[in-house]
Protein backbone atom coordinates (compact mmCIF):
# COMPACT_ATOMS: atom_id res chain seq x y z
CA UNK A 1 0.00 0.00 0.00
CA UNK A 2 1.30 3.47 -0.86
CA UNK A 3 0.90 6.58 1.22
CA UNK A 4 0.58 9.84 -0.65
CA UNK A 5 0.91 13.34 0.68
CA UNK A 6 2.70 16.62 0.56
CA UNK A 7 5.63 17.36 2.80
CA UNK A 8 7.31 20.68 3.49
CA UNK A 9 11.05 20.19 3.48
CA UNK A 10 13.72 22.74 4.23
CA UNK A 11 17.24 23.28 3.03
CA UNK A 12 20.06 25.72 3.66
CA UNK A 13 19.23 29.38 4.14
CA UNK A 14 15.76 28.49 5.39
CA UNK A 15 14.34 27.92 1.90
CA UNK A 16 11.62 25.28 1.56
CA UNK A 17 10.01 23.22 -1.17
CA UNK A 18 6.58 21.64 -1.25
CA UNK A 19 6.76 18.23 -2.88
CA UNK A 20 4.34 15.37 -3.36
CA UNK A 21 5.78 11.94 -2.65
CA UNK A 22 4.71 8.36 -2.21
CA UNK A 23 6.90 5.70 -0.67
CA UNK A 24 6.23 2.35 -2.31
CA UNK A 25 7.08 -1.14 -1.18
CA UNK A 26 9.33 -3.50 -3.11
CA UNK A 27 7.72 -4.99 -6.20
CA UNK A 28 8.84 -6.70 -9.34
CA UNK A 29 9.86 -4.19 -11.97
CA UNK A 30 8.64 -4.52 -15.52
CA UNK A 31 9.76 -2.58 -18.57
CA UNK A 32 6.21 -1.23 -18.89
CA UNK A 33 6.25 0.63 -15.57
CA UNK A 34 9.83 1.94 -15.48
CA UNK A 35 11.04 3.89 -18.52
CA UNK A 36 13.86 6.39 -19.05
CA UNK A 37 12.87 9.77 -17.53
CA UNK A 38 11.40 12.28 -20.03
CA UNK A 39 9.76 15.70 -20.13
CA UNK A 40 6.00 16.23 -20.46
CA UNK A 41 6.50 16.58 -24.23
CA UNK A 42 8.18 13.16 -24.38
CA UNK A 43 11.79 14.35 -24.76
CA UNK A 44 14.07 11.96 -22.86
CA UNK A 45 15.86 13.78 -20.04
CA UNK A 46 19.64 13.66 -20.08
CA UNK A 47 21.76 14.38 -17.00
CA UNK A 48 24.81 16.63 -17.19
CA UNK A 49 28.25 15.18 -18.00
CA UNK A 50 29.11 14.37 -14.38
CA UNK A 51 25.96 12.43 -13.49
CA UNK A 52 23.80 9.59 -14.73
CA UNK A 53 20.31 8.25 -14.06
CA UNK A 54 21.76 5.00 -12.75
CA UNK A 55 24.65 4.36 -10.36
CA UNK A 56 26.26 1.10 -9.21
CA UNK A 57 28.09 0.62 -5.93
CA UNK A 58 25.50 2.16 -3.57
CA UNK A 59 25.74 0.70 -0.08
CA UNK A 60 22.70 0.91 2.20
CA UNK A 61 24.76 -0.17 5.22
CA UNK A 62 28.00 1.83 5.15
CA UNK A 63 30.43 3.95 3.14
CA UNK A 64 32.21 1.11 1.31
CA UNK A 65 30.93 0.52 -2.25
CA UNK A 66 28.78 -2.58 -2.72
CA UNK A 67 28.72 -3.54 -6.42
CA UNK A 68 25.64 -5.74 -5.87
CA UNK A 69 23.53 -2.59 -5.42
CA UNK A 70 22.34 -0.18 -8.10
CA UNK A 71 20.08 2.86 -7.85
CA UNK A 72 18.19 4.22 -10.88
CA UNK A 73 15.71 6.92 -11.79
CA UNK A 74 12.88 5.91 -14.06
CA UNK A 75 9.59 7.37 -15.26
CA UNK A 76 6.41 5.61 -14.17
CA UNK A 77 3.83 7.90 -15.77
CA UNK A 78 3.29 11.46 -16.97
CA UNK A 79 5.05 13.66 -14.43
CA UNK A 80 5.75 10.66 -12.18
CA UNK A 81 9.17 9.23 -11.46
CA UNK A 82 10.67 6.58 -9.20
CA UNK A 83 14.05 6.13 -7.59
CA UNK A 84 14.55 2.36 -7.60
CA UNK A 85 17.10 0.42 -5.54
CA UNK A 86 18.17 -3.00 -6.82
CA UNK A 87 20.38 -5.73 -5.42
CA UNK A 88 21.70 -8.22 -7.99
CA UNK A 89 19.13 -6.97 -10.52
CA UNK A 90 16.05 -7.29 -8.26
CA UNK A 91 14.23 -4.43 -6.55
CA UNK A 92 15.43 -4.71 -2.98
CA UNK A 93 16.60 -2.61 -0.06
CA UNK A 94 17.39 -4.32 3.26
CA UNK A 95 15.59 -1.82 5.48
CA UNK A 96 13.58 0.71 3.40
CA UNK A 97 11.12 0.42 0.52
CA UNK A 98 13.02 -0.37 -2.69
CA UNK A 99 11.15 2.32 -4.63
CA UNK A 100 10.52 6.01 -3.92
CA UNK A 101 7.77 7.59 -6.03
CA UNK A 102 8.60 11.22 -6.90
CA UNK A 103 6.94 14.06 -8.81
CA UNK A 104 9.95 16.25 -9.60
CA UNK A 105 11.88 15.42 -12.80
CA UNK A 106 15.27 13.98 -11.84
CA UNK A 107 18.45 15.85 -12.74
CA UNK A 108 20.84 12.93 -12.38
CA UNK A 109 22.07 10.59 -9.70
CA UNK A 110 25.28 10.33 -7.72
CA UNK A 111 26.40 8.45 -4.63
CA UNK A 112 27.31 10.57 -1.62
CA UNK A 113 29.77 8.51 0.44
CA UNK A 114 30.54 10.87 3.28
CA UNK A 115 28.59 11.63 6.48
CA UNK A 116 25.87 14.29 6.22
CA UNK A 117 24.17 16.12 9.11
CA UNK A 118 20.96 14.29 10.09
CA UNK A 119 19.34 17.56 11.27
CA UNK A 120 19.00 18.61 7.60
CA UNK A 121 16.79 15.61 6.73
CA UNK A 122 12.99 15.35 6.70
CA UNK A 123 10.99 12.12 6.49
CA UNK A 124 9.21 11.50 3.18
CA UNK A 125 6.33 9.84 5.03
CA UNK A 126 5.67 12.97 7.12
CA UNK A 127 6.99 11.51 10.39
CA UNK A 128 8.34 14.19 12.74
CA UNK A 129 12.10 13.80 13.18
CA UNK A 130 14.39 15.01 15.91
CA UNK A 131 18.12 14.38 15.74
CA UNK A 132 20.88 15.87 17.88
CA UNK A 133 22.86 18.55 16.05
CA UNK A 134 25.95 16.34 15.96
CA UNK A 135 24.15 13.28 14.47
CA UNK A 136 25.37 12.26 11.02
CA UNK A 137 24.46 9.68 8.41
CA UNK A 138 26.20 6.32 8.84
CA UNK A 139 25.83 5.02 5.27
CA UNK A 140 25.75 6.31 1.71
CA UNK A 141 23.08 8.73 0.54
CA UNK A 142 21.82 9.13 -3.03
CA UNK A 143 22.17 12.61 -4.51
CA UNK A 144 19.92 14.08 -7.21
CA UNK A 145 20.06 17.62 -8.51
CA UNK A 146 22.18 20.35 -9.96
CA UNK A 147 24.65 22.83 -8.49
CA UNK A 148 21.78 25.16 -7.54
CA UNK A 149 19.46 22.53 -6.01
CA UNK A 150 20.59 19.24 -4.48
CA UNK A 151 18.44 16.52 -2.93
CA UNK A 152 19.92 13.75 -0.79
CA UNK A 153 17.92 10.56 -0.16
CA UNK A 154 18.89 8.51 2.89
CA UNK A 155 17.38 5.43 4.50
CA UNK A 156 17.11 5.60 8.29
CA UNK A 157 15.30 3.10 10.52
CA UNK A 158 13.05 1.78 7.76
CA UNK A 159 11.98 5.10 6.23
CA UNK A 160 13.33 7.33 3.49
CA UNK A 161 14.53 10.81 4.38
CA UNK A 162 15.36 13.73 2.10
CA UNK A 163 17.57 16.78 2.59
CA UNK A 164 17.36 19.70 0.17
CA UNK A 165 20.20 22.16 -0.32
CA UNK A 166 19.82 25.40 -2.29
């Protein structure tokens, strides 16, 4: 079952974005429901030279690359996208849903393999979070965005979190 809603998330300098998200459970992927991301006019989106829509070596449990894992953006409908985590080719994440439904066109995907401040993250499911100022991520995050707007996705205690930096 998917939960849908809008969540106000903040970034640096106190700026905020309103985004609609749905966190989906793991399911078998088919070519019909996961296509290359495109614009509303059908033009396939292309990331800049330093990024891709798929990355291998993501580790959900630490900062050492795990080649069994891959993360990919795909388009699931008009104006609907999904960030999909796979292990050995199958949609799987050991502690969070393997698929994040998203309504903002992706700009690319990178692996962030350094600790990030947990206080900057908000839960995609709307759960109130409270972390000490010194708390940091303990595993890789997935980065989407451009130099002017970055989003970091991080799995913590069974739920996806997002941090937005402007």
